[in-house]
C-alpha cells in the first residue's frame, strides 16, 4: 500500500489546465498527497499559466510537461482527465484505483488582448480551485478513512 494518496491530472498538452491543477492541489494539500500532471501530447508549461498562478503566490515555473506514459503501470489512487481529448485518447487506466473526467475550458484557445487571455487563465484556475480541489480533498479523506480501518 502506498504511503501517500497519489493523484494524476491529465490534459492534452500538460501545459495549462493540468499544470495549474497540479500546482493548486500541491499548494493546498501539501505533503498529504503525491500529485503529478501529464499530457497525451506534452509540450511546455505555458507562461500565462505560470503568471496567473503566481498571482496566488503559487510557483509552477519549475514544473515540467510530462507524457502520460511516464505513469503507466504505477499505483495511482485517482486519475482525473481535464479535457475530452485526453479522456478519449487515454481511455481507461487499469492501473488507477479511480478515474474520473472533469472537463475544463482550455485557456490556451483564448483570443484578444493579453488581459483577455490572462482572464481566461484566471477563470480556469478558479474553476480548478472550486471544482477539482474539493473533489480531490473528498477522495483523500475517504482514502485516509479506509487506511485507518485496515490498520
N, C-alpha and C. Protein backbone atom coordinates (compact mmCIF):
# COMPACT_ATOMS: atom_id res chain seq x y z
N UNK A 1 0.85 -1.17 0.00
CA UNK A 1 0.00 0.00 0.00
C UNK A 1 0.90 1.25 0.00
N UNK A 2 0.54 2.22 -0.79
CA UNK A 2 1.31 3.45 -0.90
C UNK A 2 1.20 4.26 0.39
N UNK A 3 2.28 4.98 0.72
CA UNK A 3 2.28 5.82 1.91
C UNK A 3 1.44 7.07 1.74
N UNK A 4 1.33 7.54 0.50
CA UNK A 4 0.57 8.76 0.23
C UNK A 4 -0.48 8.50 -0.83
N UNK A 5 -1.53 9.26 -0.75
CA UNK A 5 -2.58 9.26 -1.76
C UNK A 5 -1.98 9.85 -3.03
N UNK A 6 -2.11 9.14 -4.15
CA UNK A 6 -1.49 9.59 -5.40
C UNK A 6 -2.55 10.02 -6.41
N UNK A 7 -2.34 11.22 -6.97
CA UNK A 7 -3.27 11.81 -7.93
C UNK A 7 -2.51 12.15 -9.20
N UNK A 8 -3.11 11.82 -10.35
CA UNK A 8 -2.56 12.18 -11.65
C UNK A 8 -3.61 12.97 -12.41
N UNK A 9 -3.25 14.17 -12.85
CA UNK A 9 -4.13 15.09 -13.58
C UNK A 9 -3.66 15.12 -15.03
N UNK A 10 -4.59 14.88 -15.96
CA UNK A 10 -4.19 14.74 -17.36
C UNK A 10 -5.00 15.65 -18.27
N UNK A 11 -4.29 16.33 -19.18
CA UNK A 11 -4.94 17.06 -20.26
C UNK A 11 -4.11 16.84 -21.53
N UNK A 12 -4.44 17.52 -22.58
CA UNK A 12 -3.80 17.26 -23.87
C UNK A 12 -2.31 17.57 -23.83
N UNK A 13 -1.95 18.82 -23.61
CA UNK A 13 -0.56 19.23 -23.73
C UNK A 13 0.22 19.32 -22.44
N UNK A 14 -0.44 19.13 -21.30
CA UNK A 14 0.20 19.28 -20.00
C UNK A 14 0.93 20.62 -19.93
N UNK A 15 0.22 21.66 -20.42
CA UNK A 15 0.83 22.99 -20.42
C UNK A 15 0.04 24.00 -19.60
N UNK A 16 -1.26 23.80 -19.46
CA UNK A 16 -2.10 24.80 -18.77
C UNK A 16 -2.93 24.17 -17.65
N UNK A 17 -4.06 23.55 -18.04
CA UNK A 17 -5.02 23.06 -17.04
C UNK A 17 -4.41 22.10 -16.04
N UNK A 18 -3.77 21.06 -16.53
CA UNK A 18 -3.22 20.06 -15.61
C UNK A 18 -2.05 20.62 -14.80
N UNK A 19 -1.28 21.53 -15.38
CA UNK A 19 -0.19 22.14 -14.63
C UNK A 19 -0.72 23.04 -13.51
N UNK A 20 -1.75 23.83 -13.83
CA UNK A 20 -2.34 24.68 -12.79
C UNK A 20 -2.99 23.82 -11.71
N UNK A 21 -3.65 22.74 -12.11
CA UNK A 21 -4.29 21.84 -11.14
C UNK A 21 -3.24 21.20 -10.24
N UNK A 22 -2.14 20.75 -10.84
CA UNK A 22 -1.06 20.17 -10.04
C UNK A 22 -0.56 21.17 -9.00
N UNK A 23 -0.33 22.40 -9.44
CA UNK A 23 0.16 23.43 -8.53
C UNK A 23 -0.82 23.74 -7.41
N UNK A 24 -2.09 23.85 -7.76
CA UNK A 24 -3.11 24.16 -6.74
C UNK A 24 -3.26 23.03 -5.73
N UNK A 25 -3.36 21.81 -6.22
CA UNK A 25 -3.52 20.68 -5.32
C UNK A 25 -2.30 20.56 -4.40
N UNK A 26 -1.12 20.69 -4.96
CA UNK A 26 0.10 20.59 -4.14
C UNK A 26 0.14 21.72 -3.10
N UNK A 27 -0.22 22.92 -3.50
CA UNK A 27 -0.19 24.06 -2.60
C UNK A 27 -1.18 23.90 -1.44
N UNK A 28 -2.41 23.51 -1.75
CA UNK A 28 -3.44 23.45 -0.72
C UNK A 28 -3.43 22.15 0.08
N UNK A 29 -2.94 21.06 -0.50
CA UNK A 29 -2.96 19.79 0.22
C UNK A 29 -1.58 19.42 0.76
N UNK A 30 -0.58 20.18 0.39
CA UNK A 30 0.75 19.98 0.95
C UNK A 30 1.30 18.59 0.75
N UNK A 31 1.96 18.10 1.77
CA UNK A 31 2.63 16.82 1.65
C UNK A 31 1.71 15.64 2.01
N UNK A 32 0.43 15.90 2.16
CA UNK A 32 -0.51 14.80 2.43
C UNK A 32 -0.66 13.88 1.24
N UNK A 33 -0.44 14.42 0.04
CA UNK A 33 -0.63 13.62 -1.17
C UNK A 33 0.55 13.78 -2.11
N UNK A 34 0.61 12.88 -3.07
CA UNK A 34 1.59 12.94 -4.16
C UNK A 34 0.80 13.27 -5.42
N UNK A 35 1.00 14.47 -5.97
CA UNK A 35 0.25 14.90 -7.14
C UNK A 35 1.20 15.14 -8.30
N UNK A 36 0.79 14.68 -9.47
CA UNK A 36 1.54 14.88 -10.71
C UNK A 36 0.55 15.23 -11.81
N UNK A 37 1.08 15.78 -12.90
CA UNK A 37 0.26 16.03 -14.08
C UNK A 37 0.99 15.49 -15.29
N UNK A 38 0.21 15.24 -16.34
CA UNK A 38 0.78 14.70 -17.58
C UNK A 38 -0.14 15.06 -18.74
N UNK A 39 0.37 14.81 -19.94
CA UNK A 39 -0.41 15.08 -21.14
C UNK A 39 -0.25 13.97 -22.16
N UNK A 40 -1.16 13.94 -23.11
CA UNK A 40 -1.05 12.95 -24.18
C UNK A 40 -0.15 13.46 -25.30
N UNK A 41 0.05 14.77 -25.37
CA UNK A 41 0.98 15.40 -26.30
C UNK A 41 1.70 16.53 -25.55
N UNK A 42 2.59 16.17 -24.60
CA UNK A 42 3.20 17.19 -23.75
C UNK A 42 4.01 18.21 -24.54
N UNK A 43 4.00 19.42 -24.03
CA UNK A 43 4.73 20.49 -24.69
C UNK A 43 5.60 21.22 -23.67
N UNK A 44 5.11 22.30 -23.10
CA UNK A 44 5.82 23.06 -22.08
C UNK A 44 4.81 23.72 -21.17
N UNK A 45 5.25 24.14 -20.01
CA UNK A 45 4.36 24.86 -19.10
C UNK A 45 4.18 26.26 -19.67
N UNK A 46 2.93 26.62 -19.93
CA UNK A 46 2.63 27.89 -20.59
C UNK A 46 2.94 29.07 -19.66
N UNK A 47 3.61 30.10 -20.19
CA UNK A 47 3.94 31.28 -19.36
C UNK A 47 2.73 31.96 -18.73
N UNK A 48 1.59 31.97 -19.43
CA UNK A 48 0.40 32.59 -18.85
C UNK A 48 -0.12 31.79 -17.65
N UNK A 49 0.02 30.47 -17.70
CA UNK A 49 -0.36 29.64 -16.56
C UNK A 49 0.54 29.96 -15.37
N UNK A 50 1.82 30.10 -15.64
CA UNK A 50 2.77 30.46 -14.59
C UNK A 50 2.40 31.81 -13.98
N UNK A 51 2.06 32.78 -14.84
CA UNK A 51 1.73 34.13 -14.37
C UNK A 51 0.50 34.16 -13.48
N UNK A 52 -0.59 33.50 -13.90
CA UNK A 52 -1.82 33.58 -13.08
C UNK A 52 -1.69 32.77 -11.80
N UNK A 53 -0.87 31.75 -11.80
CA UNK A 53 -0.64 31.02 -10.55
C UNK A 53 0.19 31.85 -9.59
N UNK A 54 1.15 32.60 -10.15
CA UNK A 54 1.98 33.44 -9.27
C UNK A 54 1.16 34.54 -8.62
N UNK A 55 0.05 34.93 -9.24
CA UNK A 55 -0.85 35.92 -8.63
C UNK A 55 -1.38 35.41 -7.28
N UNK A 56 -1.46 34.09 -7.12
CA UNK A 56 -1.93 33.48 -5.87
C UNK A 56 -0.76 33.10 -4.96
N UNK A 57 0.44 33.40 -5.39
CA UNK A 57 1.61 33.02 -4.60
C UNK A 57 2.04 31.58 -4.82
N UNK A 58 1.60 30.98 -5.93
CA UNK A 58 1.94 29.59 -6.24
C UNK A 58 2.91 29.59 -7.42
N UNK A 59 4.08 29.00 -7.22
CA UNK A 59 5.10 28.97 -8.26
C UNK A 59 5.09 27.61 -8.96
N UNK A 60 4.68 27.60 -10.23
CA UNK A 60 4.71 26.36 -11.02
C UNK A 60 5.80 26.42 -12.09
N UNK A 61 6.68 27.40 -11.99
CA UNK A 61 7.69 27.59 -13.04
C UNK A 61 8.70 26.46 -13.11
N UNK A 62 8.85 25.69 -12.05
CA UNK A 62 9.78 24.56 -12.07
C UNK A 62 9.12 23.23 -12.41
N UNK A 63 7.80 23.25 -12.62
CA UNK A 63 7.13 22.03 -13.06
C UNK A 63 7.50 21.79 -14.52
N UNK A 64 7.44 20.52 -14.93
CA UNK A 64 7.74 20.21 -16.32
C UNK A 64 6.59 19.44 -16.95
N UNK A 65 6.49 19.58 -18.25
CA UNK A 65 5.47 18.86 -19.00
C UNK A 65 5.91 17.41 -19.18
N UNK A 66 5.02 16.48 -18.85
CA UNK A 66 5.35 15.05 -18.88
C UNK A 66 4.34 14.30 -19.74
N UNK A 67 4.77 13.19 -20.32
CA UNK A 67 3.86 12.33 -21.08
C UNK A 67 3.19 11.36 -20.13
N UNK A 68 1.94 11.06 -20.40
CA UNK A 68 1.17 10.18 -19.55
C UNK A 68 1.81 8.79 -19.44
N UNK A 69 2.57 8.38 -20.45
CA UNK A 69 3.22 7.06 -20.41
C UNK A 69 4.24 6.95 -19.27
N UNK A 70 4.73 8.09 -18.76
CA UNK A 70 5.66 8.04 -17.64
C UNK A 70 5.02 7.42 -16.39
N UNK A 71 3.69 7.38 -16.36
CA UNK A 71 2.98 6.90 -15.18
C UNK A 71 2.31 5.55 -15.40
N UNK A 72 2.46 4.99 -16.58
CA UNK A 72 1.83 3.70 -16.90
C UNK A 72 2.28 2.63 -15.92
N UNK A 73 1.32 1.90 -15.41
CA UNK A 73 1.60 0.80 -14.51
C UNK A 73 1.89 1.19 -13.07
N UNK A 74 1.97 2.48 -12.78
CA UNK A 74 2.23 2.91 -11.41
C UNK A 74 0.95 2.85 -10.58
N UNK A 75 1.11 2.71 -9.30
CA UNK A 75 0.00 2.66 -8.37
C UNK A 75 -0.54 4.08 -8.17
N UNK A 76 -1.66 4.39 -8.81
CA UNK A 76 -2.28 5.72 -8.73
C UNK A 76 -3.67 5.55 -8.11
N UNK A 77 -3.98 6.37 -7.13
CA UNK A 77 -5.28 6.29 -6.48
C UNK A 77 -6.38 6.97 -7.29
N UNK A 78 -6.05 8.12 -7.90
CA UNK A 78 -7.06 8.91 -8.60
C UNK A 78 -6.46 9.53 -9.86
N UNK A 79 -7.07 9.24 -11.00
CA UNK A 79 -6.72 9.88 -12.26
C UNK A 79 -7.88 10.78 -12.65
N UNK A 80 -7.58 12.04 -12.96
CA UNK A 80 -8.60 12.98 -13.41
C UNK A 80 -8.19 13.49 -14.78
N UNK A 81 -9.04 13.25 -15.78
CA UNK A 81 -8.82 13.86 -17.09
C UNK A 81 -9.54 15.19 -17.09
N UNK A 82 -8.86 16.20 -17.63
CA UNK A 82 -9.39 17.57 -17.60
C UNK A 82 -9.86 18.05 -18.96
N UNK A 83 -9.75 17.21 -19.98
CA UNK A 83 -10.26 17.59 -21.30
C UNK A 83 -10.75 16.34 -22.01
N UNK A 84 -11.69 16.53 -22.92
CA UNK A 84 -12.31 15.41 -23.63
C UNK A 84 -11.31 14.67 -24.51
N UNK A 85 -10.37 15.41 -25.10
CA UNK A 85 -9.40 14.76 -25.97
C UNK A 85 -8.54 13.77 -25.17
N UNK A 86 -8.05 14.20 -24.03
CA UNK A 86 -7.25 13.31 -23.19
C UNK A 86 -8.06 12.10 -22.74
N UNK A 87 -9.31 12.33 -22.41
CA UNK A 87 -10.18 11.22 -21.99
C UNK A 87 -10.33 10.22 -23.12
N UNK A 88 -10.54 10.71 -24.34
CA UNK A 88 -10.73 9.82 -25.48
C UNK A 88 -9.45 9.08 -25.84
N UNK A 89 -8.33 9.77 -25.84
CA UNK A 89 -7.06 9.16 -26.23
C UNK A 89 -6.58 8.17 -25.18
N UNK A 90 -6.69 8.54 -23.93
CA UNK A 90 -6.16 7.69 -22.87
C UNK A 90 -7.07 6.50 -22.56
N UNK A 91 -8.35 6.68 -22.73
CA UNK A 91 -9.26 5.59 -22.39
C UNK A 91 -9.24 5.31 -20.91
N UNK A 92 -9.23 4.04 -20.58
CA UNK A 92 -9.28 3.62 -19.17
C UNK A 92 -7.88 3.31 -18.68
N UNK A 93 -7.58 3.73 -17.47
CA UNK A 93 -6.30 3.43 -16.83
C UNK A 93 -6.52 2.24 -15.89
N UNK A 94 -6.20 1.02 -16.33
CA UNK A 94 -6.46 -0.14 -15.47
C UNK A 94 -5.62 -0.14 -14.20
N UNK A 95 -4.56 0.63 -14.17
CA UNK A 95 -3.69 0.69 -13.00
C UNK A 95 -4.12 1.74 -12.00
N UNK A 96 -5.17 2.49 -12.29
CA UNK A 96 -5.67 3.51 -11.36
C UNK A 96 -6.85 2.94 -10.57
N UNK A 97 -6.88 3.26 -9.30
CA UNK A 97 -7.99 2.79 -8.47
C UNK A 97 -9.30 3.49 -8.82
N UNK A 98 -9.21 4.76 -9.22
CA UNK A 98 -10.40 5.52 -9.62
C UNK A 98 -10.01 6.47 -10.74
N UNK A 99 -10.91 6.60 -11.70
CA UNK A 99 -10.68 7.51 -12.81
C UNK A 99 -11.96 8.29 -13.06
N UNK A 100 -11.83 9.62 -13.16
CA UNK A 100 -12.98 10.47 -13.42
C UNK A 100 -12.61 11.50 -14.48
N UNK A 101 -13.64 12.04 -15.10
CA UNK A 101 -13.44 13.11 -16.07
C UNK A 101 -14.10 14.38 -15.54
N UNK A 102 -13.33 15.46 -15.52
CA UNK A 102 -13.85 16.75 -15.08
C UNK A 102 -13.36 17.79 -16.09
N UNK A 103 -14.04 17.89 -17.20
CA UNK A 103 -13.62 18.77 -18.28
C UNK A 103 -13.64 20.24 -17.90
N UNK A 104 -12.58 20.93 -18.29
CA UNK A 104 -12.45 22.36 -18.03
C UNK A 104 -12.16 23.10 -19.33
N UNK A 105 -12.53 24.37 -19.37
CA UNK A 105 -12.23 25.22 -20.51
C UNK A 105 -10.72 25.30 -20.71
N UNK A 106 -10.29 25.24 -21.97
CA UNK A 106 -8.87 25.34 -22.29
C UNK A 106 -8.50 26.80 -22.48
N UNK A 107 -7.75 27.40 -21.56
CA UNK A 107 -7.44 28.82 -21.68
C UNK A 107 -6.49 29.14 -22.83
N UNK A 108 -5.79 28.14 -23.32
CA UNK A 108 -4.83 28.41 -24.39
C UNK A 108 -5.53 28.85 -25.68
N UNK A 109 -6.81 28.55 -25.80
CA UNK A 109 -7.56 28.94 -27.01
C UNK A 109 -8.13 30.36 -26.93
N UNK A 110 -7.90 31.05 -25.83
CA UNK A 110 -8.41 32.41 -25.66
C UNK A 110 -7.76 33.36 -26.66
N UNK A 111 -8.57 34.27 -27.16
CA UNK A 111 -8.07 35.28 -28.11
C UNK A 111 -8.29 36.67 -27.51
N UNK A 112 -7.70 37.65 -28.15
CA UNK A 112 -7.86 39.02 -27.70
C UNK A 112 -6.57 39.55 -27.13
N UNK A 113 -6.71 40.58 -26.31
CA UNK A 113 -5.55 41.22 -25.69
C UNK A 113 -4.91 40.29 -24.67
N UNK A 114 -3.74 40.64 -24.23
CA UNK A 114 -3.08 39.85 -23.18
C UNK A 114 -3.96 39.79 -21.94
N UNK A 115 -4.62 40.89 -21.62
CA UNK A 115 -5.53 40.90 -20.49
C UNK A 115 -6.68 39.93 -20.66
N UNK A 116 -7.23 39.85 -21.87
CA UNK A 116 -8.30 38.90 -22.16
C UNK A 116 -7.82 37.46 -21.99
N UNK A 117 -6.62 37.20 -22.49
CA UNK A 117 -6.07 35.84 -22.38
C UNK A 117 -5.79 35.48 -20.92
N UNK A 118 -5.23 36.41 -20.18
CA UNK A 118 -4.97 36.13 -18.77
C UNK A 118 -6.27 35.90 -18.00
N UNK A 119 -7.31 36.63 -18.39
CA UNK A 119 -8.61 36.42 -17.72
C UNK A 119 -9.12 35.00 -17.96
N UNK A 120 -8.91 34.45 -19.16
CA UNK A 120 -9.30 33.07 -19.44
C UNK A 120 -8.52 32.10 -18.54
N UNK A 121 -7.24 32.36 -18.35
CA UNK A 121 -6.43 31.52 -17.46
C UNK A 121 -6.91 31.63 -16.02
N UNK A 122 -7.28 32.84 -15.62
CA UNK A 122 -7.79 33.02 -14.25
C UNK A 122 -9.09 32.25 -14.05
N UNK A 123 -9.97 32.28 -15.05
CA UNK A 123 -11.24 31.53 -14.93
C UNK A 123 -10.97 30.04 -14.77
N UNK A 124 -10.05 29.51 -15.58
CA UNK A 124 -9.73 28.09 -15.48
C UNK A 124 -9.09 27.78 -14.13
N UNK A 125 -8.17 28.63 -13.70
CA UNK A 125 -7.54 28.45 -12.38
C UNK A 125 -8.60 28.43 -11.28
N UNK A 126 -9.54 29.36 -11.34
CA UNK A 126 -10.58 29.45 -10.32
C UNK A 126 -11.54 28.26 -10.40
N UNK A 127 -11.81 27.76 -11.60
CA UNK A 127 -12.63 26.56 -11.75
C UNK A 127 -11.94 25.35 -11.12
N UNK A 128 -10.64 25.25 -11.31
CA UNK A 128 -9.88 24.16 -10.70
C UNK A 128 -10.00 24.26 -9.18
N UNK A 129 -9.83 25.46 -8.67
CA UNK A 129 -9.89 25.65 -7.21
C UNK A 129 -11.27 25.31 -6.65
N UNK A 130 -12.32 25.66 -7.38
CA UNK A 130 -13.66 25.43 -6.86
C UNK A 130 -14.21 24.04 -7.16
N UNK A 131 -13.70 23.35 -8.18
CA UNK A 131 -14.24 22.05 -8.56
C UNK A 131 -13.28 20.89 -8.28
N UNK A 132 -12.07 21.00 -8.77
CA UNK A 132 -11.12 19.89 -8.67
C UNK A 132 -10.59 19.74 -7.25
N UNK A 133 -10.19 20.84 -6.65
CA UNK A 133 -9.60 20.79 -5.31
C UNK A 133 -10.53 20.15 -4.28
N UNK A 134 -11.81 20.55 -4.19
CA UNK A 134 -12.70 19.89 -3.22
C UNK A 134 -12.92 18.40 -3.53
N UNK A 135 -12.94 18.06 -4.81
CA UNK A 135 -13.12 16.66 -5.20
C UNK A 135 -11.93 15.82 -4.73
N UNK A 136 -10.72 16.32 -4.96
CA UNK A 136 -9.52 15.60 -4.53
C UNK A 136 -9.51 15.48 -3.01
N UNK A 137 -9.86 16.54 -2.31
CA UNK A 137 -9.90 16.52 -0.85
C UNK A 137 -10.88 15.46 -0.35
N UNK A 138 -12.04 15.38 -0.97
CA UNK A 138 -13.04 14.38 -0.58
C UNK A 138 -12.51 12.96 -0.78
N UNK A 139 -11.87 12.72 -1.92
CA UNK A 139 -11.32 11.38 -2.20
C UNK A 139 -10.19 11.05 -1.22
N UNK A 140 -9.38 12.06 -0.91
CA UNK A 140 -8.29 11.84 0.05
C UNK A 140 -8.84 11.45 1.42
N UNK A 141 -9.89 12.12 1.86
CA UNK A 141 -10.49 11.80 3.17
C UNK A 141 -10.99 10.36 3.19
N UNK A 142 -11.62 9.92 2.10
CA UNK A 142 -12.08 8.53 2.02
C UNK A 142 -10.92 7.55 2.04
N UNK A 143 -9.85 7.90 1.37
CA UNK A 143 -8.65 7.06 1.35
C UNK A 143 -8.07 6.93 2.75
N UNK A 144 -7.99 8.05 3.46
CA UNK A 144 -7.47 8.02 4.84
C UNK A 144 -8.34 7.16 5.74
N UNK A 145 -9.64 7.30 5.60
CA UNK A 145 -10.57 6.51 6.40
C UNK A 145 -10.34 5.02 6.13
N UNK A 146 -10.25 4.64 4.87
CA UNK A 146 -10.02 3.23 4.51
C UNK A 146 -8.69 2.72 5.08
N UNK A 147 -7.67 3.54 5.05
CA UNK A 147 -6.36 3.14 5.60
C UNK A 147 -6.47 2.92 7.11
N UNK A 148 -7.21 3.78 7.79
CA UNK A 148 -7.35 3.64 9.24
C UNK A 148 -8.11 2.36 9.58
N UNK A 149 -9.11 2.03 8.77
CA UNK A 149 -9.88 0.80 9.02
C UNK A 149 -9.03 -0.44 8.78
N UNK A 150 -8.09 -0.36 7.85
CA UNK A 150 -7.23 -1.51 7.55
C UNK A 150 -6.17 -1.72 8.60
N UNK A 151 -5.79 -0.68 9.33
CA UNK A 151 -4.71 -0.79 10.33
C UNK A 151 -5.13 -1.54 11.56
